Amino acid sequence: MSLSGFVRYLWISDKHYHYQLTPIGIRYTIQDAIPETAYQVVRAFAWVGVFVCILAVGVLGPLALVGAGGMAFLAFGMTNFSSEIREDETYFSDNYEVRVLRSSNVFSIESEPFSLIHYGQFFCEKGKLDETLNRILPYLKNYTIKEIKSYRDL
């Protein structure tokens, strides 16, 4: 795998978003779209590192941990390497501005006055933006919808 592939698929990977609409707000989870096989490969290399460190201690004695101690700690720490799921929520309050970017199927909900617990930016599947907005807007008491042209305005 080339360096560009490594950067694209591990550092700036796509995300999986899962939303749950409730009467008091929106709960959502964000997870990197990295295949489980990538995590299995890293865990396999970690177990190889653990074996090599134990072998070095067996052959060279405890003095081997002076050089291989860092690798041993790193290897033991990476044996449970797995995907991280981040959870977040947006609560409904009184006044909102809903900004819609139709070209990217994205909208944001921002409370007035601004509060981080009453702010959310949501990504929709193609063609489902209007359906999603129609489900959410009845839960908002006072709102204004603003169509925007660029992602920067969001």
N, C-alpha and C. Protein backbone atom coordinates (compact mmCIF):
# COMPACT_ATOMS: atom_id res chain seq x y z
N MET A 1 0.85 -1.17 0.00
CA MET A 1 0.00 0.00 0.00
C MET A 1 0.90 1.23 0.00
N SER A 2 0.59 2.15 -0.83
CA SER A 2 1.40 3.36 -0.94
C SER A 2 1.10 4.30 0.22
N LEU A 3 1.94 5.32 0.35
CA LEU A 3 1.76 6.30 1.41
C LEU A 3 0.43 7.04 1.25
N SER A 4 0.05 7.35 0.02
CA SER A 4 -1.23 8.05 -0.19
C SER A 4 -2.41 7.17 0.23
N GLY A 5 -2.34 5.87 -0.03
CA GLY A 5 -3.39 4.96 0.41
C GLY A 5 -3.45 4.87 1.92
N PHE A 6 -2.29 4.83 2.56
CA PHE A 6 -2.23 4.80 4.02
C PHE A 6 -2.88 6.04 4.61
N VAL A 7 -2.53 7.21 4.08
CA VAL A 7 -3.08 8.48 4.57
C VAL A 7 -4.58 8.53 4.32
N ARG A 8 -5.01 8.15 3.12
CA ARG A 8 -6.43 8.25 2.76
C ARG A 8 -7.31 7.33 3.59
N TYR A 9 -6.91 6.08 3.78
CA TYR A 9 -7.80 5.11 4.41
C TYR A 9 -7.62 4.98 5.91
N LEU A 10 -6.51 5.46 6.48
CA LEU A 10 -6.34 5.34 7.92
C LEU A 10 -6.39 6.68 8.65
N TRP A 11 -5.84 7.73 8.07
CA TRP A 11 -5.85 9.03 8.76
C TRP A 11 -7.08 9.86 8.44
N ILE A 12 -7.49 9.90 7.18
CA ILE A 12 -8.66 10.70 6.81
C ILE A 12 -9.73 9.80 6.21
N SER A 13 -10.08 8.76 6.94
CA SER A 13 -11.04 7.79 6.44
C SER A 13 -12.45 8.36 6.45
N ASP A 14 -13.32 7.72 5.67
CA ASP A 14 -14.73 8.10 5.67
C ASP A 14 -15.32 7.77 7.03
N LYS A 15 -16.49 8.33 7.30
CA LYS A 15 -17.16 8.12 8.58
C LYS A 15 -18.51 7.48 8.36
N HIS A 16 -18.93 6.68 9.32
CA HIS A 16 -20.28 6.15 9.38
C HIS A 16 -21.03 6.93 10.44
N TYR A 17 -22.17 7.52 10.07
CA TYR A 17 -23.00 8.28 10.99
C TYR A 17 -24.29 7.51 11.23
N HIS A 18 -24.70 7.39 12.47
CA HIS A 18 -25.97 6.76 12.83
C HIS A 18 -26.72 7.73 13.73
N TYR A 19 -27.93 8.12 13.32
CA TYR A 19 -28.72 9.10 14.04
C TYR A 19 -29.94 8.45 14.68
N GLN A 20 -30.35 8.99 15.84
CA GLN A 20 -31.57 8.57 16.50
C GLN A 20 -32.34 9.82 16.91
N LEU A 21 -33.52 10.00 16.35
CA LEU A 21 -34.35 11.16 16.63
C LEU A 21 -35.23 10.86 17.84
N THR A 22 -35.17 11.73 18.85
CA THR A 22 -36.01 11.61 20.04
C THR A 22 -36.77 12.92 20.23
N PRO A 23 -37.80 12.94 21.07
CA PRO A 23 -38.55 14.19 21.28
C PRO A 23 -37.72 15.31 21.92
N ILE A 24 -36.64 15.00 22.63
CA ILE A 24 -35.84 16.05 23.27
C ILE A 24 -34.57 16.39 22.51
N GLY A 25 -34.25 15.66 21.45
CA GLY A 25 -33.05 15.96 20.68
C GLY A 25 -32.66 14.83 19.75
N ILE A 26 -31.44 14.92 19.25
CA ILE A 26 -30.91 13.93 18.31
C ILE A 26 -29.64 13.33 18.92
N ARG A 27 -29.60 12.01 19.04
CA ARG A 27 -28.40 11.31 19.47
C ARG A 27 -27.75 10.74 18.22
N TYR A 28 -26.42 10.78 18.16
CA TYR A 28 -25.76 10.20 17.00
C TYR A 28 -24.39 9.65 17.37
N THR A 29 -23.96 8.68 16.57
CA THR A 29 -22.64 8.08 16.74
C THR A 29 -21.86 8.27 15.45
N ILE A 30 -20.54 8.41 15.62
CA ILE A 30 -19.64 8.57 14.49
C ILE A 30 -18.55 7.51 14.62
N GLN A 31 -18.31 6.77 13.53
CA GLN A 31 -17.30 5.72 13.53
C GLN A 31 -16.52 5.77 12.23
N ASP A 32 -15.19 5.59 12.32
CA ASP A 32 -14.38 5.55 11.11
C ASP A 32 -14.76 4.33 10.27
N ALA A 33 -14.76 4.50 8.96
CA ALA A 33 -15.13 3.42 8.05
C ALA A 33 -13.89 2.60 7.66
N ILE A 34 -13.14 2.17 8.65
CA ILE A 34 -11.96 1.33 8.42
C ILE A 34 -12.38 -0.12 8.59
N PRO A 35 -12.07 -0.98 7.63
CA PRO A 35 -12.49 -2.38 7.74
C PRO A 35 -11.88 -3.07 8.95
N GLU A 36 -12.59 -4.03 9.48
CA GLU A 36 -12.12 -4.78 10.65
C GLU A 36 -10.82 -5.53 10.34
N THR A 37 -10.58 -5.89 9.08
CA THR A 37 -9.34 -6.60 8.75
C THR A 37 -8.11 -5.74 9.03
N ALA A 38 -8.22 -4.43 8.88
CA ALA A 38 -7.08 -3.54 9.20
C ALA A 38 -6.76 -3.62 10.68
N TYR A 39 -7.79 -3.65 11.52
CA TYR A 39 -7.56 -3.78 12.96
C TYR A 39 -6.99 -5.16 13.31
N GLN A 40 -7.44 -6.20 12.60
CA GLN A 40 -6.91 -7.55 12.83
C GLN A 40 -5.43 -7.62 12.48
N VAL A 41 -5.02 -6.97 11.40
CA VAL A 41 -3.62 -6.96 11.00
C VAL A 41 -2.77 -6.28 12.07
N VAL A 42 -3.23 -5.14 12.57
CA VAL A 42 -2.48 -4.43 13.62
C VAL A 42 -2.39 -5.27 14.88
N ARG A 43 -3.50 -5.93 15.27
CA ARG A 43 -3.46 -6.79 16.45
C ARG A 43 -2.50 -7.97 16.25
N ALA A 44 -2.45 -8.53 15.02
CA ALA A 44 -1.53 -9.65 14.74
C ALA A 44 -0.09 -9.19 14.86
N PHE A 45 0.24 -7.99 14.31
CA PHE A 45 1.60 -7.47 14.46
C PHE A 45 1.93 -7.21 15.93
N ALA A 46 0.95 -6.78 16.70
CA ALA A 46 1.18 -6.53 18.12
C ALA A 46 1.52 -7.83 18.85
N TRP A 47 0.80 -8.91 18.54
CA TRP A 47 1.10 -10.18 19.19
C TRP A 47 2.46 -10.72 18.76
N VAL A 48 2.85 -10.48 17.51
CA VAL A 48 4.20 -10.85 17.07
C VAL A 48 5.24 -10.06 17.88
N GLY A 49 4.98 -8.77 18.10
CA GLY A 49 5.87 -7.95 18.91
C GLY A 49 5.98 -8.45 20.34
N VAL A 50 4.87 -8.87 20.92
CA VAL A 50 4.89 -9.44 22.27
C VAL A 50 5.75 -10.70 22.29
N PHE A 51 5.57 -11.57 21.31
CA PHE A 51 6.36 -12.80 21.25
C PHE A 51 7.85 -12.51 21.10
N VAL A 52 8.19 -11.55 20.23
CA VAL A 52 9.60 -11.19 20.03
C VAL A 52 10.20 -10.64 21.32
N CYS A 53 9.47 -9.82 22.05
CA CYS A 53 9.98 -9.27 23.30
C CYS A 53 10.19 -10.36 24.34
N ILE A 54 9.26 -11.30 24.45
CA ILE A 54 9.41 -12.41 25.41
C ILE A 54 10.59 -13.28 24.99
N LEU A 55 10.74 -13.53 23.69
CA LEU A 55 11.87 -14.31 23.20
C LEU A 55 13.19 -13.62 23.50
N ALA A 56 13.24 -12.30 23.31
CA ALA A 56 14.48 -11.55 23.59
C ALA A 56 14.83 -11.62 25.06
N VAL A 57 13.85 -11.54 25.94
CA VAL A 57 14.12 -11.65 27.38
C VAL A 57 14.60 -13.06 27.70
N GLY A 58 14.02 -14.05 27.06
CA GLY A 58 14.44 -15.43 27.31
C GLY A 58 15.85 -15.70 26.84
N VAL A 59 16.25 -15.13 25.73
CA VAL A 59 17.57 -15.37 25.16
C VAL A 59 18.63 -14.48 25.81
N LEU A 60 18.34 -13.18 25.95
CA LEU A 60 19.33 -12.22 26.42
C LEU A 60 19.22 -11.89 27.90
N GLY A 61 18.12 -12.26 28.51
CA GLY A 61 17.93 -11.94 29.92
C GLY A 61 17.19 -10.62 30.08
N PRO A 62 17.00 -10.19 31.32
CA PRO A 62 16.22 -8.98 31.61
C PRO A 62 16.83 -7.71 31.00
N LEU A 63 18.13 -7.74 30.69
CA LEU A 63 18.75 -6.57 30.10
C LEU A 63 18.18 -6.26 28.71
N ALA A 64 17.53 -7.24 28.07
CA ALA A 64 16.91 -7.01 26.77
C ALA A 64 15.77 -6.01 26.85
N LEU A 65 15.14 -5.90 28.03
CA LEU A 65 14.03 -4.97 28.19
C LEU A 65 14.49 -3.51 28.20
N VAL A 66 15.79 -3.29 28.36
CA VAL A 66 16.30 -1.92 28.28
C VAL A 66 16.05 -1.38 26.88
N GLY A 67 16.29 -2.18 25.87
CA GLY A 67 16.08 -1.73 24.50
C GLY A 67 14.70 -2.07 23.98
N ALA A 68 14.19 -3.23 24.36
CA ALA A 68 12.91 -3.70 23.83
C ALA A 68 11.75 -3.37 24.75
N GLY A 69 11.99 -2.69 25.84
CA GLY A 69 10.92 -2.38 26.80
C GLY A 69 9.84 -1.51 26.19
N GLY A 70 10.25 -0.51 25.42
CA GLY A 70 9.27 0.35 24.76
C GLY A 70 8.42 -0.42 23.78
N MET A 71 9.05 -1.31 23.02
CA MET A 71 8.29 -2.13 22.07
C MET A 71 7.35 -3.07 22.82
N ALA A 72 7.78 -3.58 23.96
CA ALA A 72 6.91 -4.47 24.74
C ALA A 72 5.67 -3.74 25.21
N PHE A 73 5.85 -2.53 25.75
CA PHE A 73 4.68 -1.76 26.21
C PHE A 73 3.78 -1.39 25.04
N LEU A 74 4.37 -1.01 23.91
CA LEU A 74 3.59 -0.67 22.73
C LEU A 74 2.83 -1.89 22.22
N ALA A 75 3.48 -3.03 22.17
CA ALA A 75 2.84 -4.24 21.67
C ALA A 75 1.70 -4.68 22.58
N PHE A 76 1.93 -4.66 23.90
CA PHE A 76 0.85 -5.04 24.81
C PHE A 76 -0.33 -4.07 24.71
N GLY A 77 -0.05 -2.79 24.50
CA GLY A 77 -1.12 -1.80 24.37
C GLY A 77 -1.92 -1.95 23.09
N MET A 78 -1.30 -2.46 22.03
CA MET A 78 -1.99 -2.56 20.74
C MET A 78 -2.69 -3.90 20.53
N THR A 79 -2.59 -4.81 21.47
CA THR A 79 -3.27 -6.10 21.30
C THR A 79 -4.79 -5.96 21.36
N ASN A 80 -5.31 -4.89 21.95
CA ASN A 80 -6.76 -4.66 22.01
C ASN A 80 -7.19 -3.54 21.08
N PHE A 81 -6.41 -3.27 20.04
CA PHE A 81 -6.70 -2.18 19.10
C PHE A 81 -8.01 -2.46 18.38
N SER A 82 -8.95 -1.50 18.43
CA SER A 82 -10.24 -1.69 17.76
C SER A 82 -10.82 -0.33 17.37
N SER A 83 -11.91 -0.38 16.65
CA SER A 83 -12.57 0.83 16.16
C SER A 83 -13.18 1.61 17.32
N GLU A 84 -13.08 2.93 17.24
CA GLU A 84 -13.62 3.80 18.29
C GLU A 84 -14.93 4.41 17.80
N ILE A 85 -15.94 4.34 18.64
CA ILE A 85 -17.23 4.93 18.32
C ILE A 85 -17.43 6.15 19.22
N ARG A 86 -17.62 7.32 18.59
CA ARG A 86 -17.82 8.55 19.35
C ARG A 86 -19.32 8.86 19.38
N GLU A 87 -19.84 9.15 20.56
CA GLU A 87 -21.25 9.47 20.72
C GLU A 87 -21.40 10.95 21.01
N ASP A 88 -22.47 11.54 20.49
CA ASP A 88 -22.75 12.96 20.72
C ASP A 88 -24.25 13.16 20.66
N GLU A 89 -24.70 14.35 21.04
CA GLU A 89 -26.13 14.64 21.01
C GLU A 89 -26.35 16.13 20.78
N THR A 90 -27.53 16.43 20.26
CA THR A 90 -27.99 17.80 20.07
C THR A 90 -29.37 17.89 20.71
N TYR A 91 -29.55 18.81 21.65
CA TYR A 91 -30.82 18.96 22.34
C TYR A 91 -31.66 20.04 21.69
N PHE A 92 -32.97 19.86 21.71
CA PHE A 92 -33.88 20.86 21.16
C PHE A 92 -34.17 21.91 22.22
N SER A 93 -34.16 23.19 21.82
CA SER A 93 -34.53 24.27 22.73
C SER A 93 -35.55 25.16 22.02
N ASP A 94 -35.50 26.48 22.22
CA ASP A 94 -36.57 27.36 21.73
C ASP A 94 -36.37 27.84 20.30
N ASN A 95 -35.35 28.64 20.02
CA ASN A 95 -35.19 29.29 18.72
C ASN A 95 -34.02 28.67 17.96
N TYR A 96 -34.26 28.37 16.67
CA TYR A 96 -33.23 27.74 15.86
C TYR A 96 -33.11 28.40 14.50
N GLU A 97 -31.89 28.30 13.95
CA GLU A 97 -31.65 28.61 12.55
C GLU A 97 -31.18 27.31 11.91
N VAL A 98 -31.90 26.88 10.90
CA VAL A 98 -31.56 25.65 10.18
C VAL A 98 -30.91 26.07 8.87
N ARG A 99 -29.64 25.71 8.69
CA ARG A 99 -28.92 26.03 7.46
C ARG A 99 -28.83 24.77 6.61
N VAL A 100 -29.21 24.90 5.34
CA VAL A 100 -29.29 23.75 4.46
C VAL A 100 -28.35 23.96 3.27
N LEU A 101 -27.48 22.98 3.04
CA LEU A 101 -26.60 22.97 1.88
C LEU A 101 -27.02 21.79 1.01
N ARG A 102 -27.88 22.04 0.04
CA ARG A 102 -28.47 20.97 -0.77
C ARG A 102 -27.46 20.25 -1.65
N SER A 103 -26.42 20.96 -2.11
CA SER A 103 -25.45 20.32 -3.01
C SER A 103 -24.68 19.20 -2.32
N SER A 104 -24.53 19.27 -1.01
CA SER A 104 -23.79 18.23 -0.27
C SER A 104 -24.67 17.38 0.63
N ASN A 105 -25.98 17.61 0.60
CA ASN A 105 -26.92 16.87 1.47
C ASN A 105 -26.56 17.01 2.94
N VAL A 106 -26.29 18.25 3.35
CA VAL A 106 -25.89 18.54 4.72
C VAL A 106 -26.77 19.65 5.26
N PHE A 107 -27.09 19.59 6.55
CA PHE A 107 -27.76 20.71 7.19
C PHE A 107 -27.24 20.85 8.61
N SER A 108 -27.37 22.05 9.15
CA SER A 108 -26.97 22.28 10.53
C SER A 108 -28.13 22.92 11.28
N ILE A 109 -28.20 22.63 12.55
CA ILE A 109 -29.20 23.21 13.44
C ILE A 109 -28.43 23.99 14.49
N GLU A 110 -28.71 25.29 14.60
CA GLU A 110 -27.99 26.15 15.53
C GLU A 110 -29.00 26.94 16.36
N SER A 111 -28.81 26.89 17.68
CA SER A 111 -29.73 27.61 18.56
C SER A 111 -29.36 29.08 18.60
N GLU A 112 -30.34 29.91 18.90
CA GLU A 112 -30.12 31.34 19.06
C GLU A 112 -30.54 31.71 20.46
N PRO A 113 -29.70 32.18 21.34
CA PRO A 113 -28.27 32.41 21.17
C PRO A 113 -27.52 31.09 21.10
N PHE A 114 -26.32 31.13 20.51
CA PHE A 114 -25.54 29.93 20.21
C PHE A 114 -25.15 29.18 21.48
N SER A 115 -25.32 27.86 21.45
CA SER A 115 -24.91 26.98 22.53
C SER A 115 -24.45 25.67 21.91
N LEU A 116 -23.32 25.14 22.38
CA LEU A 116 -22.78 23.91 21.79
C LEU A 116 -23.69 22.71 22.00
N ILE A 117 -24.43 22.66 23.09
CA ILE A 117 -25.30 21.50 23.30
C ILE A 117 -26.58 21.61 22.47
N HIS A 118 -26.80 22.76 21.85
CA HIS A 118 -27.95 22.94 20.99
C HIS A 118 -27.51 23.20 19.55
N TYR A 119 -26.40 22.58 19.14
CA TYR A 119 -25.87 22.74 17.79
C TYR A 119 -25.57 21.36 17.22
N GLY A 120 -25.87 21.17 15.95
CA GLY A 120 -25.53 19.91 15.31
C GLY A 120 -25.40 20.08 13.81
N GLN A 121 -24.51 19.31 13.23
CA GLN A 121 -24.33 19.30 11.79
C GLN A 121 -24.57 17.87 11.34
N PHE A 122 -25.46 17.69 10.37
CA PHE A 122 -25.93 16.36 10.02
C PHE A 122 -25.77 16.10 8.53
N PHE A 123 -25.35 14.88 8.19
CA PHE A 123 -25.14 14.46 6.82
C PHE A 123 -26.25 13.48 6.43
N CYS A 124 -26.82 13.66 5.25
CA CYS A 124 -27.92 12.81 4.79
C CYS A 124 -27.51 12.02 3.55
N GLU A 125 -28.23 10.94 3.31
CA GLU A 125 -28.04 10.20 2.07
C GLU A 125 -28.59 11.03 0.92
N LYS A 126 -28.12 10.74 -0.28
CA LYS A 126 -28.61 11.47 -1.46
C LYS A 126 -30.12 11.28 -1.59
N GLY A 127 -30.81 12.38 -1.80
CA GLY A 127 -32.25 12.34 -1.98
C GLY A 127 -33.07 12.24 -0.71
N LYS A 128 -32.44 12.17 0.46
CA LYS A 128 -33.18 12.02 1.72
C LYS A 128 -33.14 13.28 2.58
N LEU A 129 -32.60 14.37 2.03
CA LEU A 129 -32.47 15.60 2.82
C LEU A 129 -33.84 16.16 3.20
N ASP A 130 -34.75 16.28 2.25
CA ASP A 130 -36.07 16.83 2.54
C ASP A 130 -36.85 15.93 3.50
N GLU A 131 -36.75 14.63 3.31
CA GLU A 131 -37.44 13.69 4.20
C GLU A 131 -36.92 13.82 5.63
N THR A 132 -35.61 13.94 5.77
CA THR A 132 -35.01 14.09 7.10
C THR A 132 -35.44 15.39 7.76
N LEU A 133 -35.41 16.48 7.00
CA LEU A 133 -35.85 17.77 7.55
C LEU A 133 -37.32 17.73 7.95
N ASN A 134 -38.16 17.08 7.16
CA ASN A 134 -39.58 16.99 7.48
C ASN A 134 -39.83 16.19 8.76
N ARG A 135 -38.93 15.28 9.10
CA ARG A 135 -39.06 14.54 10.36
C ARG A 135 -38.59 15.35 11.56
N ILE A 136 -37.58 16.19 11.36
CA ILE A 136 -37.00 16.92 12.48
C ILE A 136 -37.74 18.21 12.79
N LEU A 137 -38.16 18.94 11.78
CA LEU A 137 -38.73 20.27 11.98
C LEU A 137 -39.95 20.31 12.90
N PRO A 138 -40.83 19.29 12.94
CA PRO A 138 -41.95 19.36 13.89
C PRO A 138 -41.51 19.39 15.37
N TYR A 139 -40.31 18.93 15.68
CA TYR A 139 -39.83 18.94 17.06
C TYR A 139 -39.30 20.32 17.47
N LEU A 140 -38.96 21.16 16.51
CA LEU A 140 -38.43 22.49 16.80
C LEU A 140 -39.58 23.46 16.98
N LYS A 141 -39.53 24.28 18.03
CA LYS A 141 -40.63 25.22 18.31
C LYS A 141 -40.59 26.40 17.34
N ASN A 142 -39.53 27.17 17.35
CA ASN A 142 -39.37 28.33 16.48
C ASN A 142 -38.10 28.14 15.65
N TYR A 143 -38.24 28.21 14.33
CA TYR A 143 -37.06 28.01 13.49
C TYR A 143 -37.19 28.83 12.22
N THR A 144 -36.03 29.14 11.66
CA THR A 144 -35.96 29.75 10.34
C THR A 144 -35.04 28.89 9.49
N ILE A 145 -35.39 28.72 8.23
CA ILE A 145 -34.58 27.91 7.32
C ILE A 145 -33.82 28.85 6.40
N LYS A 146 -32.52 28.61 6.28
CA LYS A 146 -31.67 29.45 5.44
C LYS A 146 -30.93 28.54 4.46
N GLU A 147 -31.15 28.74 3.17
CA GLU A 147 -30.43 28.00 2.13
C GLU A 147 -29.07 28.66 1.93
N ILE A 148 -28.01 27.88 1.95
CA ILE A 148 -26.67 28.43 1.77
C ILE A 148 -26.03 27.82 0.54
N LYS A 149 -24.96 28.47 0.06
CA LYS A 149 -24.34 28.07 -1.20
C LYS A 149 -23.03 27.30 -1.02
N SER A 150 -22.31 27.53 0.11
CA SER A 150 -21.01 26.85 0.27
C SER A 150 -20.91 26.23 1.66
N TYR A 151 -20.02 25.27 1.76
CA TYR A 151 -19.82 24.56 3.03
C TYR A 151 -19.27 25.50 4.09
N ARG A 152 -18.55 26.52 3.71
CA ARG A 152 -17.97 27.48 4.65
C ARG A 152 -19.07 28.20 5.43
N ASP A 153 -20.21 28.49 4.78
CA ASP A 153 -21.31 29.19 5.44
C ASP A 153 -22.04 28.31 6.46
N LEU A 154 -21.84 27.02 6.37
CA LEU A 154 -22.51 26.10 7.28
C LEU A 154 -21.98 26.27 8.68
